[in-house]
Structures are given as C-alpha cells and as structure tokens.
Amino acid sequence: MVRDDRFFAVTVANASGPRSSIRRFTLQKRWIKYITIFSLFFCLILGLGFYGLFQQANHLRIERDNSKLREENLKLQQQQQELNKRLEAIEKQSETLEEMSGLNIPDTTPGSALVSNKGNGAGGPSFPISSMEAADALVARTTEMELKLKALEVNLKEQVKIPSVWPVKGGLLNDNFGGRRSPTGGGYEFHAGQDIKVDIGTPIMTAAAGTVTTASYQSGYGYMVEIDHGNGLMTRYGHLSKIIVQVGQTVKRGELIAESGNSGRSTGPHLHYEVRINNEPVNPALYLPDYDKALRKSIE
C-alpha cells in the first residue's frame, strides 16, 4: 500500500458488541492547516474585539469622570461668582454702615484671609482641606458675615434715628428745659427746649436721621425746621435766619439743615432746640452728649 502524505488517517475500532467494527477516517492536511489558520485568525479577531470593548469601557469611564470634574468645576465657578457678588454687597454695606455710624468696620471678609502670613508670627497645626471644602467654608463665612452686617445695620439704623449729637458746634447754653421767667417780661412760663447762644449764620445740623416735616415760619419759633425720626420721635430747630432743607426731604444725622438767627419770639441770636416724643416735649439734655460739661462751661 502506497503512503499518501497529503492525508491523515484516523482509525476507530469498536469492540464492545458481539461484532467488532473498524472505521477509518481520512483528513487532508491542507484542511487541517486551513482550520488551524482560521481558528487562530478567529481568536485574534475575538481578542481584538474584547480589547476594543475594554478600551471603549475605559474611555466611557474616563469621560464620565471628566464630566463629573467639569460639573464640579462649573459649580465652583458659580459659587465663586456668587461669593464675589455677595462680597461686593458686603463691602457696600460696610461703606453704608461707616457713613451712618462713623465706625471703622475691620476687613474680615474671606478674601482678606488670603494675605500671606509669612514672617508675621502666624502658626498652629495644619489641617489641609480640599477645594470644595474651602469653597463651602467661604460660603459659610460669607453667610455669617452677611447676617452679622444685617443685624448691625438694623441696629445702627435705629441708632441714627435717635438724637445723639449737638445740632450746633460751639455756643453757650442759655435757658434750659422746664420752668423759667419769661425773657420778654412777665411771670414764669414753661420752656419746651434748650436754648444755645450762637452768632447769626452759625450752621445748624440735624441731630438724627429723619424726614423734614416743617420748614417755614412758625408763630413763636420764627423760622423753624421740624424733623420726624420715626416711632413718635421728632426734633425742632427754631429762631433760624435761613432754612436750607425742604418739607419731605430725607436727611442724615449731622447734615446741614439751616443757619441760626434771631427770628420769632427771641431776645437775641440763638438756637432753640426741642426733642419731642409723641408730640410731647422732653428734656433735650437727655440726648446731648457731655451736657453737664457744656452746662458748667456756660455757667463759668
């Protein structure tokens, strides 16, 4: 029998039954070669497919992480913009409060804490925080400052509506609040305010913030300005020579409103200053700082 190298022969013998059988299979070598090459190629394609899927999954994961980072960055930018707006509002509030009260409010805004402390004696344990934690801390600090400023602003607004400064600089105290002998002759009478002797044309300032309710000639007062400070509190400035403000005008504490004079029922140049609560006169001395010192100076 001639051997053919183009084939593989496989013999299968079955001897389990009463009759034995032998079967022989032949396969061409080239088909085995083709099948091997195809199997290797299929495995290669399958491997490349799995690799591609892995790369795509990795790409999707990276894209998801990048998207999350972009969202966090956008959130931080929005928070920073909001912080900047709120800090600008705080600065404006601070300027307003300084104008209202004359106080110097220290700069405790979060931005001021970014100044370098090198060589300034600063120290303490280090507790690093993330950018998100830092932003949240700034938001919390800004909110806290806003609440404190609002409370301070409300308090100062109420304070500036209470007469707390002298309506005129210089001058001597003349007739005080209460009973006195009539300066024009006669018996005793009730004096509803405090007289301050000054030269004609001396600037008169409002003792508190409020709204002008009277700016005209009034019997007994001469030219007079009346200012309503709210809550039933008002002040009057009488015997003026010149009125600078108008009815309905809003004025700040210490704002120029008139010039002193000798108009009305007056025996000489002076300012008649009244403080009234619910239209009842009260002693202005309760609202004039260092009144006792001014009184001693006038007596001397």
Foldseek 3Di string as FASTA:
>chain_A
DDDDPQKDKDKDWDDPDPDIDIDIDIDGPVVVVVVVVVVVVVVVVVVVVVVVVVVVVVVVVVVVVVVVVVVVVVVLVVLVVVLVVLVVVLVVLQVVLCVAPVDNDDPPQPVVVPDDCVPVPDDDDDDDDDPVVVSVVNVVVSVVSVVVSVVVSVVSLLVLLAQAEAQFPDFAKDDFAAWDQDPVDDGIDGQQFTKGADDWFGWTWARGKFFWADQQQDAQFGGKIKGHSDQQKIKMKGQFPFADDDGGDTDGHGDTGGTWHAGHPGDHTIITMFIGGNNHTDGCCVRYPPSVVSNVVNVD
